[in-house]
Amino acid sequence: MNTRTTVLVGLSFLSGGLLSQAMAQSVRETARELVPQIQPALSSEAPPLGASAPAAVRTLTWEQLIPAGWDPFKELKALNLDSLKDNDPRAEEALKKIRKMWDNAPINPSVLGLSVRLPGYVVPLEDLPEGMKEFLLVPYFGACIHSPPPPANQIVHVVLAKPAKRLRLMDVVWVTGPLSATQTDSHMGVASYRIEARQVAPYNEKKR
């Protein structure tokens, strides 16, 4: 049975001067374009946490990496975009706060220590002749590449025991291995989780 999941699309970190460069747009229009939208995640056919499972490996959805009650839009909800004028520093400051909050996004302790299976897109952290040994796993196409990083609890740092030569940017894969709360701050984004990968396999929608 497929589980309907949603994932968060990235929010840009607005450094000083970026809003002023958006000459043709108002602050509220710029902010709305950068506000995370809801997109369908990869289907992972995951049972709810706590459900009995015949195998030791638990298939997770990206939703299950987010702790209950955490609101990724908390800072933005306090901001009335319609009341803002061009280059309003309140919008810039709010977006900076959101980016900081996302980079320190909390984990879901109930999934830690599990041997998990999670689908996602590959964002390489290295390009070595012997292959790729580390990459970020993200829930939607373009994250950290064509769009800003999602919250840290929606990025998983994957470490392989042996380099893989066939992995490429934005390949869609299943990653299987133990899940831990290990924060990784890389040039591509901040990850709250790590999987020591026992297996990386091409993505398919049917459970094997």
N, C-alpha and C. Protein backbone atom coordinates (compact mmCIF):
# COMPACT_ATOMS: atom_id res chain seq x y z
N MET A 1 0.85 -1.19 0.00
CA MET A 1 0.00 0.00 0.00
C MET A 1 0.89 1.24 0.00
N ASN A 2 0.65 2.14 -0.96
CA ASN A 2 1.47 3.35 -1.05
C ASN A 2 1.09 4.34 0.05
N THR A 3 2.06 4.98 0.61
CA THR A 3 1.84 6.01 1.62
C THR A 3 2.05 7.38 1.01
N ARG A 4 1.03 8.22 1.08
CA ARG A 4 1.16 9.57 0.50
C ARG A 4 2.03 10.42 1.42
N THR A 5 3.11 10.90 0.90
CA THR A 5 4.00 11.74 1.68
C THR A 5 4.23 13.06 0.97
N THR A 6 4.65 14.03 1.74
CA THR A 6 5.02 15.32 1.17
C THR A 6 6.38 15.70 1.67
N VAL A 7 7.08 16.51 0.92
CA VAL A 7 8.39 16.96 1.34
C VAL A 7 8.49 18.45 1.18
N LEU A 8 9.44 19.01 1.82
CA LEU A 8 9.62 20.46 1.81
C LEU A 8 10.64 20.82 0.75
N VAL A 9 10.31 21.81 -0.05
CA VAL A 9 11.24 22.31 -1.06
C VAL A 9 12.01 23.48 -0.48
N GLY A 10 13.24 23.63 -0.86
CA GLY A 10 14.18 24.54 -0.22
C GLY A 10 13.81 26.01 -0.19
N LEU A 11 14.38 26.69 0.79
CA LEU A 11 14.22 28.15 0.94
C LEU A 11 15.58 28.81 0.81
N SER A 12 15.68 29.81 0.01
CA SER A 12 16.97 30.47 -0.22
C SER A 12 17.41 31.27 0.98
N PHE A 13 18.73 31.26 1.23
CA PHE A 13 19.32 32.12 2.25
C PHE A 13 19.61 33.47 1.61
N LEU A 14 18.84 34.48 2.00
CA LEU A 14 18.97 35.79 1.38
C LEU A 14 20.08 36.59 2.05
N SER A 15 21.20 36.70 1.40
CA SER A 15 22.28 37.50 1.94
C SER A 15 22.02 38.97 1.67
N GLY A 16 22.77 39.83 2.32
CA GLY A 16 22.56 41.26 2.16
C GLY A 16 22.66 41.69 0.72
N GLY A 17 21.66 42.47 0.27
CA GLY A 17 21.68 43.02 -1.08
C GLY A 17 20.88 42.22 -2.08
N LEU A 18 20.51 40.98 -1.77
CA LEU A 18 19.80 40.17 -2.76
C LEU A 18 18.42 40.72 -3.05
N LEU A 19 17.70 41.14 -2.01
CA LEU A 19 16.37 41.68 -2.23
C LEU A 19 16.43 42.97 -3.04
N SER A 20 17.44 43.77 -2.79
CA SER A 20 17.54 45.03 -3.53
C SER A 20 17.83 44.80 -5.00
N GLN A 21 18.38 43.65 -5.34
CA GLN A 21 18.67 43.33 -6.73
C GLN A 21 17.41 42.90 -7.49
N ALA A 22 16.38 42.51 -6.75
CA ALA A 22 15.14 42.09 -7.39
C ALA A 22 14.32 43.34 -7.72
N MET A 23 14.80 44.12 -8.65
CA MET A 23 14.24 45.43 -8.95
C MET A 23 12.80 45.35 -9.44
N ALA A 24 12.49 44.29 -10.19
CA ALA A 24 11.18 44.22 -10.83
C ALA A 24 10.14 43.55 -9.95
N GLN A 25 10.54 43.14 -8.77
CA GLN A 25 9.62 42.41 -7.91
C GLN A 25 9.53 43.09 -6.55
N SER A 26 8.39 42.97 -5.96
CA SER A 26 8.24 43.47 -4.60
C SER A 26 8.81 42.45 -3.64
N VAL A 27 9.00 42.86 -2.40
CA VAL A 27 9.51 41.94 -1.38
C VAL A 27 8.56 40.77 -1.20
N ARG A 28 7.28 41.04 -1.16
CA ARG A 28 6.35 39.94 -0.91
C ARG A 28 6.35 38.95 -2.07
N GLU A 29 6.49 39.42 -3.32
CA GLU A 29 6.53 38.51 -4.45
C GLU A 29 7.79 37.66 -4.41
N THR A 30 8.91 38.29 -4.07
CA THR A 30 10.17 37.56 -3.97
C THR A 30 10.09 36.52 -2.86
N ALA A 31 9.55 36.91 -1.72
CA ALA A 31 9.46 35.98 -0.60
C ALA A 31 8.56 34.80 -0.92
N ARG A 32 7.43 35.08 -1.57
CA ARG A 32 6.51 33.99 -1.90
C ARG A 32 7.15 32.97 -2.84
N GLU A 33 7.99 33.45 -3.75
CA GLU A 33 8.66 32.53 -4.66
C GLU A 33 9.65 31.64 -3.92
N LEU A 34 10.18 32.14 -2.81
CA LEU A 34 11.18 31.39 -2.07
C LEU A 34 10.59 30.56 -0.94
N VAL A 35 9.33 30.77 -0.63
CA VAL A 35 8.68 29.99 0.41
C VAL A 35 8.56 28.55 -0.05
N PRO A 36 8.89 27.59 0.80
CA PRO A 36 8.81 26.19 0.41
C PRO A 36 7.42 25.80 -0.03
N GLN A 37 7.35 25.06 -1.10
CA GLN A 37 6.08 24.53 -1.60
C GLN A 37 6.01 23.04 -1.25
N ILE A 38 4.83 22.52 -1.25
CA ILE A 38 4.65 21.11 -0.94
C ILE A 38 4.67 20.32 -2.25
N GLN A 39 5.49 19.29 -2.30
CA GLN A 39 5.59 18.44 -3.48
C GLN A 39 5.43 16.99 -3.07
N PRO A 40 4.99 16.14 -3.98
CA PRO A 40 4.91 14.71 -3.65
C PRO A 40 6.30 14.11 -3.54
N ALA A 41 6.52 13.32 -2.51
CA ALA A 41 7.81 12.65 -2.35
C ALA A 41 7.83 11.38 -3.17
N LEU A 42 9.01 10.78 -3.23
CA LEU A 42 9.11 9.46 -3.83
C LEU A 42 8.28 8.49 -3.00
N SER A 43 7.59 7.59 -3.69
CA SER A 43 6.80 6.59 -2.98
C SER A 43 7.74 5.62 -2.28
N SER A 44 7.51 5.41 -1.00
CA SER A 44 8.37 4.50 -0.26
C SER A 44 7.62 3.33 0.35
N GLU A 45 6.31 3.31 0.20
CA GLU A 45 5.49 2.19 0.65
C GLU A 45 5.82 1.79 2.09
N ALA A 46 5.92 2.78 2.94
CA ALA A 46 6.37 2.51 4.30
C ALA A 46 5.21 2.26 5.25
N PRO A 47 5.32 1.25 6.12
CA PRO A 47 4.34 1.08 7.19
C PRO A 47 4.58 2.13 8.26
N PRO A 48 3.57 2.47 9.05
CA PRO A 48 3.79 3.44 10.13
C PRO A 48 4.78 2.92 11.15
N LEU A 49 5.51 3.83 11.78
CA LEU A 49 6.44 3.42 12.82
C LEU A 49 5.68 2.71 13.93
N GLY A 50 6.26 1.63 14.41
CA GLY A 50 5.61 0.87 15.47
C GLY A 50 4.83 -0.32 14.93
N ALA A 51 4.58 -0.34 13.62
CA ALA A 51 3.85 -1.46 13.03
C ALA A 51 4.78 -2.66 12.94
N SER A 52 4.20 -3.85 13.02
CA SER A 52 5.01 -5.06 12.91
C SER A 52 5.53 -5.20 11.50
N ALA A 53 6.74 -5.68 11.36
CA ALA A 53 7.35 -5.86 10.06
C ALA A 53 8.13 -7.16 10.07
N PRO A 54 8.00 -7.96 9.01
CA PRO A 54 8.67 -9.26 8.98
C PRO A 54 10.18 -9.12 8.86
N ALA A 55 10.66 -8.04 8.26
CA ALA A 55 12.09 -7.87 8.05
C ALA A 55 12.67 -6.91 9.09
N ALA A 56 13.98 -7.02 9.28
CA ALA A 56 14.64 -6.15 10.24
C ALA A 56 14.78 -4.74 9.70
N VAL A 57 14.75 -4.59 8.38
CA VAL A 57 14.92 -3.28 7.77
C VAL A 57 13.56 -2.58 7.70
N ARG A 58 13.51 -1.34 8.15
CA ARG A 58 12.27 -0.56 8.14
C ARG A 58 12.31 0.45 6.99
N THR A 59 11.33 0.37 6.10
CA THR A 59 11.22 1.36 5.03
C THR A 59 10.58 2.62 5.59
N LEU A 60 11.27 3.76 5.41
CA LEU A 60 10.80 5.03 5.95
C LEU A 60 10.33 5.97 4.85
N THR A 61 9.44 6.87 5.23
CA THR A 61 9.11 8.02 4.40
C THR A 61 9.91 9.21 4.91
N TRP A 62 10.04 10.23 4.09
CA TRP A 62 10.75 11.44 4.52
C TRP A 62 10.00 12.15 5.63
N GLU A 63 8.67 12.03 5.64
CA GLU A 63 7.87 12.63 6.71
C GLU A 63 8.30 12.11 8.07
N GLN A 64 8.69 10.84 8.13
CA GLN A 64 9.02 10.22 9.41
C GLN A 64 10.36 10.70 9.98
N LEU A 65 11.10 11.46 9.20
CA LEU A 65 12.33 12.05 9.71
C LEU A 65 12.09 13.37 10.44
N ILE A 66 10.87 13.88 10.33
CA ILE A 66 10.51 15.16 10.96
C ILE A 66 9.78 14.88 12.28
N PRO A 67 10.23 15.44 13.39
CA PRO A 67 9.56 15.20 14.67
C PRO A 67 8.18 15.84 14.70
N ALA A 68 7.28 15.20 15.42
CA ALA A 68 5.91 15.71 15.54
C ALA A 68 5.91 17.09 16.16
N GLY A 69 5.13 17.99 15.58
CA GLY A 69 4.97 19.32 16.14
C GLY A 69 5.97 20.35 15.66
N TRP A 70 6.98 19.92 14.90
CA TRP A 70 7.95 20.90 14.40
C TRP A 70 7.38 21.66 13.23
N ASP A 71 7.42 22.97 13.29
CA ASP A 71 6.83 23.82 12.25
C ASP A 71 7.94 24.53 11.48
N PRO A 72 8.21 24.10 10.24
CA PRO A 72 9.28 24.72 9.45
C PRO A 72 8.95 26.13 8.99
N PHE A 73 7.70 26.55 9.13
CA PHE A 73 7.27 27.86 8.66
C PHE A 73 7.01 28.84 9.80
N LYS A 74 7.50 28.51 11.00
CA LYS A 74 7.17 29.31 12.19
C LYS A 74 7.52 30.78 12.02
N GLU A 75 8.73 31.07 11.58
CA GLU A 75 9.16 32.46 11.43
C GLU A 75 8.39 33.18 10.34
N LEU A 76 8.06 32.46 9.28
CA LEU A 76 7.38 33.08 8.16
C LEU A 76 5.93 33.43 8.50
N LYS A 77 5.29 32.60 9.32
CA LYS A 77 3.90 32.84 9.67
C LYS A 77 3.74 34.14 10.46
N ALA A 78 4.78 34.53 11.16
CA ALA A 78 4.72 35.77 11.95
C ALA A 78 4.90 37.01 11.08
N LEU A 79 5.19 36.80 9.80
CA LEU A 79 5.46 37.92 8.91
C LEU A 79 4.29 38.12 7.96
N ASN A 80 3.70 39.32 7.97
CA ASN A 80 2.60 39.65 7.06
C ASN A 80 3.20 40.18 5.76
N LEU A 81 3.33 39.30 4.77
CA LEU A 81 4.01 39.67 3.53
C LEU A 81 3.29 40.80 2.81
N ASP A 82 1.97 40.84 2.90
CA ASP A 82 1.22 41.86 2.17
C ASP A 82 1.46 43.27 2.70
N SER A 83 1.98 43.36 3.92
CA SER A 83 2.21 44.68 4.50
C SER A 83 3.60 45.23 4.20
N LEU A 84 4.43 44.43 3.54
CA LEU A 84 5.81 44.82 3.33
C LEU A 84 6.00 45.59 2.03
N LYS A 85 6.92 46.53 2.06
CA LYS A 85 7.30 47.28 0.88
C LYS A 85 8.61 46.73 0.34
N ASP A 86 8.99 47.23 -0.86
CA ASP A 86 10.23 46.77 -1.47
C ASP A 86 11.41 47.00 -0.52
N ASN A 87 12.29 46.00 -0.48
CA ASN A 87 13.53 46.07 0.30
C ASN A 87 13.29 46.23 1.80
N ASP A 88 12.13 45.77 2.26
CA ASP A 88 11.84 45.85 3.69
C ASP A 88 12.80 44.91 4.44
N PRO A 89 13.56 45.43 5.37
CA PRO A 89 14.54 44.59 6.10
C PRO A 89 13.89 43.51 6.94
N ARG A 90 12.60 43.66 7.27
CA ARG A 90 11.93 42.63 8.06
C ARG A 90 11.82 41.33 7.30
N ALA A 91 11.58 41.42 5.99
CA ALA A 91 11.48 40.21 5.18
C ALA A 91 12.83 39.52 5.08
N GLU A 92 13.86 40.31 4.85
CA GLU A 92 15.21 39.76 4.75
C GLU A 92 15.61 39.07 6.05
N GLU A 93 15.31 39.71 7.16
CA GLU A 93 15.67 39.16 8.46
C GLU A 93 14.89 37.88 8.75
N ALA A 94 13.60 37.86 8.39
CA ALA A 94 12.78 36.67 8.63
C ALA A 94 13.30 35.49 7.82
N LEU A 95 13.68 35.73 6.57
CA LEU A 95 14.17 34.65 5.74
C LEU A 95 15.52 34.12 6.23
N LYS A 96 16.34 35.00 6.77
CA LYS A 96 17.60 34.56 7.36
C LYS A 96 17.35 33.69 8.58
N LYS A 97 16.35 34.07 9.39
CA LYS A 97 16.01 33.27 10.56
C LYS A 97 15.51 31.89 10.16
N ILE A 98 14.71 31.85 9.11
CA ILE A 98 14.20 30.57 8.64
C ILE A 98 15.34 29.68 8.18
N ARG A 99 16.28 30.25 7.42
CA ARG A 99 17.41 29.45 6.94
C ARG A 99 18.22 28.90 8.12
N LYS A 100 18.43 29.73 9.15
CA LYS A 100 19.16 29.28 10.33
C LYS A 100 18.39 28.18 11.05
N MET A 101 17.07 28.34 11.17
CA MET A 101 16.24 27.34 11.82
C MET A 101 16.28 26.03 11.05
N TRP A 102 16.23 26.12 9.73
CA TRP A 102 16.26 24.91 8.90
C TRP A 102 17.59 24.18 9.01
N ASP A 103 18.69 24.94 9.08
CA ASP A 103 20.00 24.30 9.19
C ASP A 103 20.20 23.63 10.54
N ASN A 104 19.35 23.97 11.52
CA ASN A 104 19.39 23.35 12.84
C ASN A 104 18.09 22.59 13.12
N ALA A 105 17.45 22.11 12.07
CA ALA A 105 16.17 21.42 12.21
C ALA A 105 16.30 20.19 13.11
N PRO A 106 15.35 19.97 14.01
CA PRO A 106 15.43 18.85 14.95
C PRO A 106 15.18 17.51 14.29
N ILE A 107 15.69 16.47 14.91
CA ILE A 107 15.53 15.11 14.40
C ILE A 107 14.34 14.44 15.08
N ASN A 108 13.95 13.30 14.53
CA ASN A 108 12.92 12.46 15.14
C ASN A 108 13.64 11.32 15.87
N PRO A 109 13.70 11.36 17.20
CA PRO A 109 14.47 10.34 17.94
C PRO A 109 13.93 8.93 17.78
N SER A 110 12.66 8.78 17.40
CA SER A 110 12.06 7.44 17.31
C SER A 110 12.60 6.62 16.15
N VAL A 111 13.29 7.26 15.20
CA VAL A 111 13.82 6.50 14.06
C VAL A 111 15.32 6.20 14.22
N LEU A 112 15.93 6.75 15.24
CA LEU A 112 17.37 6.56 15.42
C LEU A 112 17.70 5.13 15.81
N GLY A 113 18.78 4.62 15.27
CA GLY A 113 19.22 3.27 15.59
C GLY A 113 18.56 2.19 14.76
N LEU A 114 17.56 2.57 13.96
CA LEU A 114 16.90 1.59 13.12
C LEU A 114 17.74 1.30 11.88
N SER A 115 17.61 0.08 11.38
CA SER A 115 18.15 -0.23 10.06
C SER A 115 17.04 0.12 9.08
N VAL A 116 17.30 1.13 8.23
CA VAL A 116 16.23 1.70 7.42
C VAL A 116 16.51 1.56 5.93
N ARG A 117 15.45 1.77 5.18
CA ARG A 117 15.50 1.80 3.72
C ARG A 117 14.76 3.07 3.30
N LEU A 118 15.47 3.98 2.61
CA LEU A 118 14.92 5.28 2.29
C LEU A 118 15.21 5.62 0.83
N PRO A 119 14.20 6.10 0.08
CA PRO A 119 14.44 6.48 -1.31
C PRO A 119 14.82 7.96 -1.40
N GLY A 120 15.61 8.31 -2.39
CA GLY A 120 15.96 9.72 -2.56
C GLY A 120 16.86 9.95 -3.74
N TYR A 121 17.25 11.22 -3.89
CA TYR A 121 18.11 11.65 -4.99
C TYR A 121 19.54 11.86 -4.48
N VAL A 122 20.51 11.53 -5.32
CA VAL A 122 21.92 11.60 -4.96
C VAL A 122 22.49 12.99 -5.24
N VAL A 123 23.13 13.57 -4.22
CA VAL A 123 23.89 14.82 -4.38
C VAL A 123 25.33 14.51 -3.97
N PRO A 124 26.24 14.35 -4.92
CA PRO A 124 27.61 13.94 -4.60
C PRO A 124 28.34 14.97 -3.73
N LEU A 125 29.17 14.47 -2.84
CA LEU A 125 30.04 15.32 -2.04
C LEU A 125 31.49 15.22 -2.50
N GLU A 126 31.74 14.35 -3.45
CA GLU A 126 33.09 14.16 -3.95
C GLU A 126 33.03 13.59 -5.36
N ASP A 127 34.14 13.72 -6.08
CA ASP A 127 34.26 13.19 -7.43
C ASP A 127 35.65 12.61 -7.58
N LEU A 128 35.80 11.34 -7.19
CA LEU A 128 37.11 10.70 -7.15
C LEU A 128 37.22 9.65 -8.25
N PRO A 129 38.41 9.38 -8.74
CA PRO A 129 38.59 8.37 -9.79
C PRO A 129 38.07 6.98 -9.38
N GLU A 130 38.21 6.66 -8.09
CA GLU A 130 37.78 5.34 -7.63
C GLU A 130 36.28 5.25 -7.38
N GLY A 131 35.58 6.38 -7.48
CA GLY A 131 34.14 6.38 -7.31
C GLY A 131 33.68 7.26 -6.16
N MET A 132 32.40 7.20 -5.89
CA MET A 132 31.78 8.04 -4.86
C MET A 132 31.61 7.26 -3.57
N LYS A 133 32.11 7.81 -2.49
CA LYS A 133 31.98 7.15 -1.19
C LYS A 133 31.06 7.90 -0.24
N GLU A 134 30.82 9.18 -0.52
CA GLU A 134 29.93 9.98 0.31
C GLU A 134 29.01 10.83 -0.57
N PHE A 135 27.74 10.91 -0.18
CA PHE A 135 26.81 11.79 -0.88
C PHE A 135 25.68 12.17 0.06
N LEU A 136 24.95 13.20 -0.31
CA LEU A 136 23.73 13.56 0.40
C LEU A 136 22.54 12.93 -0.29
N LEU A 137 21.62 12.43 0.50
CA LEU A 137 20.36 11.90 -0.03
C LEU A 137 19.28 12.92 0.26
N VAL A 138 18.56 13.36 -0.78
CA VAL A 138 17.54 14.39 -0.63
C VAL A 138 16.21 13.90 -1.21
N PRO A 139 15.08 14.48 -0.77
CA PRO A 139 13.77 13.92 -1.12
C PRO A 139 13.16 14.38 -2.43
N TYR A 140 13.76 15.39 -3.09
CA TYR A 140 13.16 15.87 -4.34
C TYR A 140 14.25 16.29 -5.31
N PHE A 141 13.92 16.26 -6.58
CA PHE A 141 14.88 16.58 -7.63
C PHE A 141 15.33 18.04 -7.53
N GLY A 142 16.64 18.25 -7.65
CA GLY A 142 17.17 19.60 -7.67
C GLY A 142 17.57 20.16 -6.33
N ALA A 143 17.23 19.50 -5.24
CA ALA A 143 17.60 20.00 -3.92
C ALA A 143 19.11 20.12 -3.79
N CYS A 144 19.56 21.25 -3.27
CA CYS A 144 20.98 21.55 -3.07
C CYS A 144 21.71 21.85 -4.38
N ILE A 145 21.06 21.67 -5.51
CA ILE A 145 21.69 21.91 -6.81
C ILE A 145 20.95 23.02 -7.55
N HIS A 146 19.71 22.74 -7.94
CA HIS A 146 18.90 23.72 -8.67
C HIS A 146 18.03 24.56 -7.73
N SER A 147 17.98 24.18 -6.47
CA SER A 147 17.22 24.94 -5.48
C SER A 147 17.99 24.88 -4.17
N PRO A 148 17.70 25.79 -3.25
CA PRO A 148 18.43 25.80 -1.97
C PRO A 148 18.19 24.53 -1.17
N PRO A 149 19.04 24.25 -0.19
CA PRO A 149 18.88 23.04 0.62
C PRO A 149 17.58 23.04 1.40
N PRO A 150 16.96 21.88 1.53
CA PRO A 150 15.79 21.75 2.41
C PRO A 150 16.24 21.78 3.87
N PRO A 151 15.31 21.67 4.82
CA PRO A 151 15.71 21.59 6.22
C PRO A 151 16.68 20.43 6.45
N ALA A 152 17.53 20.58 7.46
CA ALA A 152 18.56 19.56 7.72
C ALA A 152 17.96 18.20 8.04
N ASN A 153 16.75 18.17 8.59
CA ASN A 153 16.11 16.87 8.87
C ASN A 153 15.48 16.26 7.63
N GLN A 154 15.70 16.89 6.48
CA GLN A 154 15.28 16.34 5.20
C GLN A 154 16.50 16.11 4.29
N ILE A 155 17.66 16.01 4.91
CA ILE A 155 18.90 15.67 4.20
C ILE A 155 19.61 14.59 5.00
N VAL A 156 20.04 13.54 4.30
CA VAL A 156 20.75 12.43 4.95
C VAL A 156 22.13 12.30 4.33
N HIS A 157 23.14 12.27 5.17
CA HIS A 157 24.52 12.05 4.73
C HIS A 157 24.74 10.54 4.63
N VAL A 158 25.06 10.09 3.43
CA VAL A 158 25.25 8.66 3.18
C VAL A 158 26.74 8.37 3.03
N VAL A 159 27.22 7.39 3.78
CA VAL A 159 28.62 6.97 3.71
C VAL A 159 28.66 5.50 3.31
N LEU A 160 29.37 5.21 2.24
CA LEU A 160 29.48 3.85 1.73
C LEU A 160 30.76 3.20 2.24
N ALA A 161 30.71 1.89 2.43
CA ALA A 161 31.91 1.16 2.86
C ALA A 161 32.95 1.12 1.75
N LYS A 162 32.48 1.02 0.50
CA LYS A 162 33.37 1.01 -0.65
C LYS A 162 32.87 2.02 -1.68
N PRO A 163 33.76 2.67 -2.39
CA PRO A 163 33.33 3.65 -3.40
C PRO A 163 32.47 3.01 -4.49
N ALA A 164 31.46 3.74 -4.94
CA ALA A 164 30.59 3.27 -6.03
C ALA A 164 30.88 4.10 -7.28
N LYS A 165 31.19 3.44 -8.38
CA LYS A 165 31.59 4.14 -9.60
C LYS A 165 30.40 4.53 -10.48
N ARG A 166 29.26 3.93 -10.27
CA ARG A 166 28.14 4.15 -11.18
C ARG A 166 27.16 5.22 -10.70
N LEU A 167 27.36 5.77 -9.53
CA LEU A 167 26.44 6.78 -9.02
C LEU A 167 26.71 8.12 -9.68
N ARG A 168 25.61 8.83 -10.01
CA ARG A 168 25.72 10.13 -10.65
C ARG A 168 24.79 11.13 -9.96
N LEU A 169 25.03 12.40 -10.22
CA LEU A 169 24.20 13.46 -9.67
C LEU A 169 22.73 13.25 -10.01
N MET A 170 21.88 13.31 -9.01
CA MET A 170 20.43 13.19 -9.11
C MET A 170 19.95 11.80 -9.55
N ASP A 171 20.82 10.80 -9.43
CA ASP A 171 20.34 9.43 -9.56
C ASP A 171 19.31 9.18 -8.46
N VAL A 172 18.31 8.36 -8.76
CA VAL A 172 17.28 8.03 -7.77
C VAL A 172 17.56 6.63 -7.24
N VAL A 173 17.74 6.53 -5.94
CA VAL A 173 18.19 5.27 -5.35
C VAL A 173 17.44 4.95 -4.06
N TRP A 174 17.53 3.67 -3.68
CA TRP A 174 17.19 3.24 -2.34
C TRP A 174 18.49 3.12 -1.56
N VAL A 175 18.52 3.66 -0.37
CA VAL A 175 19.69 3.50 0.51
C VAL A 175 19.26 2.70 1.73
N THR A 176 20.04 1.67 2.06
CA THR A 176 19.72 0.81 3.20
C THR A 176 20.89 0.79 4.17
N GLY A 177 20.59 0.96 5.46
CA GLY A 177 21.62 0.91 6.49
C GLY A 177 21.14 1.52 7.78
N PRO A 178 21.96 1.48 8.83
CA PRO A 178 21.57 2.04 10.12
C PRO A 178 21.53 3.56 10.08
N LEU A 179 20.51 4.13 10.72
CA LEU A 179 20.30 5.57 10.73
C LEU A 179 20.76 6.16 12.06
N SER A 180 21.57 7.20 11.99
CA SER A 180 22.05 7.86 13.22
C SER A 180 21.85 9.35 13.13
N ALA A 181 21.93 10.02 14.29
CA ALA A 181 21.81 11.48 14.35
C ALA A 181 23.21 12.07 14.34
N THR A 182 23.76 12.21 13.16
CA THR A 182 25.10 12.76 13.00
C THR A 182 25.01 13.95 12.06
N GLN A 183 25.24 15.15 12.57
CA GLN A 183 25.11 16.34 11.74
C GLN A 183 26.35 16.50 10.85
N THR A 184 26.10 16.78 9.59
CA THR A 184 27.16 17.01 8.62
C THR A 184 26.92 18.35 7.95
N ASP A 185 27.89 19.24 8.04
CA ASP A 185 27.79 20.56 7.42
C ASP A 185 28.71 20.57 6.21
N SER A 186 28.13 20.45 5.03
CA SER A 186 28.91 20.38 3.80
C SER A 186 28.64 21.60 2.93
N HIS A 187 29.38 21.71 1.85
CA HIS A 187 29.20 22.82 0.92
C HIS A 187 27.88 22.72 0.16
N MET A 188 27.22 21.56 0.24
CA MET A 188 25.94 21.36 -0.45
C MET A 188 24.74 21.48 0.48
N GLY A 189 24.97 21.54 1.76
CA GLY A 189 23.87 21.65 2.71
C GLY A 189 24.18 20.96 4.02
N VAL A 190 23.32 21.21 5.01
CA VAL A 190 23.49 20.62 6.34
C VAL A 190 22.56 19.42 6.48
N ALA A 191 23.12 18.29 6.89
CA ALA A 191 22.34 17.07 7.10
C ALA A 191 22.26 16.75 8.58
N SER A 192 21.06 16.41 9.06
CA SER A 192 20.87 16.04 10.47
C SER A 192 21.09 14.56 10.71
N TYR A 193 21.00 13.76 9.65
CA TYR A 193 21.07 12.31 9.78
C TYR A 193 22.24 11.75 8.97
N ARG A 194 22.62 10.51 9.34
CA ARG A 194 23.61 9.77 8.56
C ARG A 194 23.17 8.32 8.42
N ILE A 195 23.42 7.75 7.25
CA ILE A 195 23.23 6.32 7.03
C ILE A 195 24.56 5.73 6.60
N GLU A 196 25.03 4.74 7.35
CA GLU A 196 26.20 3.96 6.94
C GLU A 196 25.66 2.89 5.99
N ALA A 197 25.77 3.16 4.70
CA ALA A 197 25.05 2.38 3.70
C ALA A 197 25.57 0.95 3.57
N ARG A 198 24.68 0.01 3.73
CA ARG A 198 24.99 -1.39 3.46
C ARG A 198 24.62 -1.75 2.03
N GLN A 199 23.69 -0.96 1.49
CA GLN A 199 23.27 -1.20 0.10
C GLN A 199 22.75 0.09 -0.51
N VAL A 200 23.11 0.34 -1.75
CA VAL A 200 22.56 1.43 -2.54
C VAL A 200 22.08 0.80 -3.85
N ALA A 201 20.79 0.90 -4.10
CA ALA A 201 20.20 0.22 -5.27
C ALA A 201 19.33 1.20 -6.05
N PRO A 202 19.16 0.96 -7.36
CA PRO A 202 18.28 1.82 -8.15
C PRO A 202 16.87 1.87 -7.57
N TYR A 203 16.24 3.03 -7.65
CA TYR A 203 14.90 3.21 -7.10
C TYR A 203 13.84 2.52 -7.96
N ASN A 204 12.91 1.89 -7.29
CA ASN A 204 11.69 1.42 -7.95
C ASN A 204 10.57 1.55 -6.95
N GLU A 205 9.34 1.65 -7.42
CA GLU A 205 8.22 1.91 -6.52
C GLU A 205 7.69 0.69 -5.81
N LYS A 206 8.12 -0.49 -6.22
CA LYS A 206 7.62 -1.70 -5.58
C LYS A 206 8.66 -2.24 -4.61
N LYS A 207 8.17 -2.64 -3.46
CA LYS A 207 9.07 -3.22 -2.47
C LYS A 207 9.55 -4.57 -2.98
N ARG A 208 10.81 -4.86 -2.71
CA ARG A 208 11.36 -6.13 -3.16
C ARG A 208 11.04 -7.22 -2.18
